[in-house]
Protein backbone atom coordinates (compact mmCIF):
# COMPACT_ATOMS: atom_id res chain seq x y z
CA MET A 1 60.34 -21.44 -19.94
CA LEU A 2 58.39 -19.65 -22.63
CA PHE A 3 55.60 -22.63 -21.42
CA MET A 4 55.39 -21.39 -17.47
CA MET A 5 55.53 -18.05 -18.29
CA LEU A 6 52.44 -18.87 -20.71
CA ILE A 7 50.97 -20.45 -17.46
CA LEU A 8 52.15 -17.57 -15.32
CA GLY A 9 50.20 -15.10 -17.63
CA LEU A 10 47.51 -17.58 -17.97
CA PHE A 11 47.13 -16.97 -14.06
CA VAL A 12 47.60 -13.38 -13.65
CA LEU A 13 44.84 -12.78 -16.59
CA ARG A 14 42.51 -14.62 -14.11
CA GLN A 15 43.13 -13.04 -11.38
CA ILE A 16 42.48 -9.64 -12.94
CA ASN A 17 39.37 -11.33 -14.41
CA THR A 18 38.50 -12.34 -10.73
CA ASN A 19 39.30 -9.02 -9.20
CA ALA A 20 37.39 -6.79 -12.02
CA ARG A 21 34.60 -9.31 -11.18
CA ASN A 22 34.55 -8.88 -7.37
CA GLN A 23 35.11 -5.18 -8.23
CA ALA A 24 31.53 -4.93 -10.02
CA GLU A 25 29.99 -7.18 -7.72
CA LEU A 26 31.02 -4.67 -4.57
CA ALA A 27 30.07 -1.88 -6.74
CA LEU A 28 26.98 -3.42 -7.56
CA VAL A 29 26.69 -4.14 -3.70
CA ARG A 30 27.49 -0.79 -2.63
CA ASP A 31 25.07 0.98 -4.61
CA GLU A 32 22.37 -1.53 -3.75
CA LEU A 33 23.57 -0.51 -0.16
CA THR A 34 22.87 3.40 -1.37
CA THR A 35 19.52 2.66 -2.58
CA ILE A 36 18.29 0.41 0.23
CA ASN A 37 19.94 3.62 2.86
CA HIS A 38 17.67 6.46 0.79
CA THR A 39 14.71 4.58 0.62
CA LEU A 40 14.64 4.24 4.59
CA GLN A 41 15.76 7.55 4.77
CA LEU A 42 12.56 8.42 3.28
CA LEU A 43 10.29 5.66 5.30
CA ALA A 44 11.55 7.53 8.11
CA LEU A 45 9.78 10.92 7.27
CA LEU A 46 6.63 9.22 6.08
CA ASP A 47 3.25 8.65 8.07
CA GLY A 48 3.14 4.91 7.87
CA LEU A 49 -0.75 4.93 7.82
CA THR A 50 -1.43 8.04 5.07
CA GLY A 51 1.67 8.23 3.85
CA LEU A 52 2.07 12.07 4.74
CA ALA A 53 4.59 13.07 5.92
CA ASN A 54 5.17 12.39 9.76
CA ARG A 55 6.08 15.07 12.26
CA ARG A 56 9.76 14.73 11.73
CA GLN A 57 9.47 16.13 7.86
CA PHE A 58 7.17 18.68 9.19
CA ASP A 59 9.36 19.95 11.70
CA GLU A 60 12.14 20.05 9.01
CA PHE A 61 10.60 20.84 6.64
CA LEU A 62 8.80 24.40 9.04
CA GLU A 63 12.59 25.42 10.00
CA ARG A 64 13.90 25.64 6.39
CA SER A 65 10.66 27.29 5.00
CA LEU A 66 11.18 29.97 7.92
CA ILE A 67 14.35 30.67 6.50
CA HIS A 68 12.78 30.91 3.04
CA SER A 69 10.85 33.64 4.54
CA GLN A 70 13.57 35.59 6.21
CA LYS A 71 16.10 35.58 3.15
CA SER A 72 12.69 36.20 0.84
CA ARG A 73 11.02 38.53 2.44
CA LEU A 74 7.55 36.27 1.41
CA PRO A 75 5.19 34.51 4.13
CA VAL A 76 5.42 31.38 5.12
CA SER A 77 1.83 29.79 6.68
CA LEU A 78 0.57 27.43 8.62
CA ILE A 79 -2.72 25.66 8.88
CA MET A 80 -3.37 23.21 12.24
CA ILE A 81 -6.11 20.32 11.27
CA ASP A 82 -8.20 18.37 13.43
CA ILE A 83 -10.95 15.78 13.08
CA ASP A 84 -14.24 16.51 14.41
CA PHE A 85 -15.52 13.96 17.15
CA PHE A 86 -13.09 11.89 16.32
CA LYS A 87 -13.20 9.80 19.20
CA ARG A 88 -16.49 8.95 19.39
CA TYR A 89 -16.22 7.98 15.42
CA ASN A 90 -13.62 5.42 16.99
CA ASP A 91 -15.88 4.64 19.73
CA THR A 92 -18.60 4.11 16.62
CA TYR A 93 -17.28 2.04 13.75
CA GLY A 94 -13.48 0.79 15.65
CA HIS A 95 -10.55 1.26 15.01
CA VAL A 96 -10.10 -0.21 11.36
CA ALA A 97 -13.57 2.08 10.69
CA GLY A 98 -10.87 4.32 12.09
CA ASP A 99 -7.57 3.92 10.26
CA ALA A 100 -9.55 4.18 6.83
CA CYS A 101 -10.93 7.48 8.55
CA LEU A 102 -7.61 8.66 8.23
CA LYS A 103 -6.07 7.50 5.20
CA LYS A 104 -8.90 9.29 3.44
CA VAL A 105 -9.06 12.61 5.13
CA GLY A 106 -4.94 12.05 4.37
CA SER A 107 -5.11 11.28 0.71
CA ILE A 108 -8.04 14.17 0.40
CA LEU A 109 -5.08 16.58 1.73
CA GLY A 110 -3.18 15.78 0.21
CA SER A 111 -4.48 15.93 -3.38
CA LEU A 112 -4.88 19.75 -2.29
CA VAL A 113 -1.29 21.47 -2.11
CA HIS A 114 0.45 20.55 -5.41
CA ARG A 115 2.99 23.66 -5.17
CA GLN A 116 6.74 22.20 -4.06
CA GLY A 117 7.30 24.38 -1.54
CA ASP A 118 3.96 23.37 0.56
CA LEU A 119 3.59 20.09 2.49
CA VAL A 120 0.79 18.07 4.14
CA ALA A 121 1.74 16.38 7.45
CA ARG A 122 -0.09 14.02 9.44
CA TYR A 123 0.98 16.12 12.74
CA GLY A 124 0.22 12.70 15.18
CA GLY A 125 -3.53 11.01 16.30
CA GLU A 126 -6.53 12.83 13.99
CA GLU A 127 -4.01 16.04 13.49
CA PHE A 128 -3.02 17.14 10.33
CA ALA A 129 -0.40 20.29 9.22
CA ILE A 130 -0.49 21.98 5.65
CA ILE A 131 2.81 24.44 5.44
CA LEU A 132 2.59 26.58 2.83
CA SER A 133 5.52 28.87 1.36
CA GLU A 134 4.75 32.73 -0.33
CA ALA A 135 1.18 32.42 1.11
CA ASP A 136 -0.22 35.49 2.99
CA ALA A 137 -2.45 35.48 6.03
CA SER A 138 -6.36 36.15 3.30
CA GLN A 139 -5.05 33.64 0.96
CA VAL A 140 -3.81 31.10 3.88
CA LYS A 141 -7.29 31.62 5.22
CA GLN A 142 -9.02 30.81 1.58
CA PHE A 143 -7.34 27.77 1.56
CA ALA A 144 -8.39 26.57 5.05
CA ASP A 145 -12.39 27.39 4.29
CA HIS A 146 -11.65 25.25 1.12
CA VAL A 147 -9.66 22.41 2.65
CA VAL A 148 -12.67 22.50 5.36
CA VAL A 149 -15.67 22.11 2.59
CA SER A 150 -13.54 20.19 0.83
CA ILE A 151 -13.58 17.41 3.48
CA ARG A 152 -17.13 17.48 4.49
CA ALA A 153 -17.98 17.32 0.44
CA ALA A 154 -16.69 13.58 0.92
CA ALA A 155 -19.67 12.72 2.84
CA ILE A 156 -17.61 10.18 4.63
CA ALA A 157 -20.78 8.99 6.82
CA HIS A 158 -20.44 9.75 10.91
CA ILE A 159 -23.60 9.26 12.97
CA SER A 160 -21.94 10.09 16.08
CA THR A 161 -20.83 13.56 15.19
CA ASP A 162 -22.95 16.58 17.08
CA LEU A 163 -23.14 18.82 13.99
CA PRO A 164 -26.28 18.18 11.24
CA GLU A 165 -24.84 16.96 8.78
CA LYS A 166 -24.08 13.17 10.15
CA VAL A 167 -20.48 13.32 7.99
CA VAL A 168 -16.90 13.55 8.95
CA THR A 169 -15.76 17.34 9.05
CA ILE A 170 -12.52 19.10 10.19
CA SER A 171 -11.77 21.83 12.18
CA ALA A 172 -8.57 24.29 11.34
CA GLY A 173 -6.51 26.76 12.18
CA CYS A 174 -4.14 29.37 10.44
CA ALA A 175 -1.88 31.46 11.45
CA THR A 176 1.09 33.26 8.44
CA ILE A 177 4.80 35.18 9.87
CA VAL A 178 7.81 36.66 8.00
CA SER A 179 10.66 35.50 9.54
CA ASP A 180 13.42 37.53 11.36
CA GLY A 181 14.90 34.46 11.42
CA GLN A 182 14.37 34.04 15.85
CA LYS A 183 14.83 30.59 16.62
CA TRP A 184 11.16 31.26 18.72
CA GLU A 185 9.18 31.44 15.75
CA ALA A 186 8.39 27.70 15.06
CA GLU A 187 6.66 27.17 17.98
CA MET A 188 5.12 30.67 18.11
CA LEU A 189 3.47 29.64 14.56
CA LYS A 190 2.57 26.36 16.26
CA LYS A 191 0.97 28.17 19.45
CA SER A 192 -0.54 30.47 16.51
CA ALA A 193 -2.29 28.04 14.41
CA ASP A 194 -3.44 25.82 17.87
CA LYS A 195 -4.95 28.54 19.11
CA ALA A 196 -6.62 29.54 16.12
CA LEU A 197 -7.98 25.58 16.12
CA TYR A 198 -9.28 26.29 19.51
CA GLU A 199 -10.99 28.92 18.41
CA ALA A 200 -12.95 26.93 15.74
CA LYS A 201 -13.99 24.38 17.51
CA LEU A 202 -15.87 26.81 19.78
CA ALA A 203 -17.63 28.70 17.24
CA GLY A 204 -19.37 25.02 16.30
CA ARG A 205 -16.33 23.04 14.10
CA ASN A 206 -16.63 22.38 10.74
CA CYS A 207 -14.94 25.79 9.90
CA ALA A 208 -11.87 27.19 8.87
CA GLN A 209 -10.31 30.21 11.67
CA ALA A 210 -7.14 32.80 11.07
CA GLU A 211 -5.08 34.14 14.26
CA GLU A 212 -2.56 36.62 13.47
CA SER A 213 1.31 35.96 14.59
């Protein structure tokens, strides 16, 4: 009888050890799946070519910035950026070089923005966007001018541009708003910045223009 109880005890102990190992393994697998899921969520918010925020993250960040603006009564500003004569760049140098150009421009833009409340995104194609929280119209225009100068100073060769420098340049349009909590504010801010970008192109490109929202 004692022997049987000993055997049973060993069996139970073995099962407990097995269950403990299984639980530990399950916990490890669960942690790994959580990490993978988090990584996939982050990747879903990034542009695959430049590593910057993608359009989805841009839209979400802009909405949060407007909510913050409504609560703080501080402005939020947007800069819309377009690479000048980029189609000609692709036609001249090829799409591989075009992708390299986009990555270089994206890298420069990313290096210029450091505050937690700001965001640089690839908006689509050769367009980029920068959200600056708590930046007024004067500050965003000054920053946009700095961005234009920084891209030109990188001296990325562009023999097909109409501009005399024969390097890659950008046009930029910026707009500013203090949110009142209206649903249409994000679209209005984007349209205002787009209008300013169009004005920059009309002004000869390689410059920044500001539009009051």
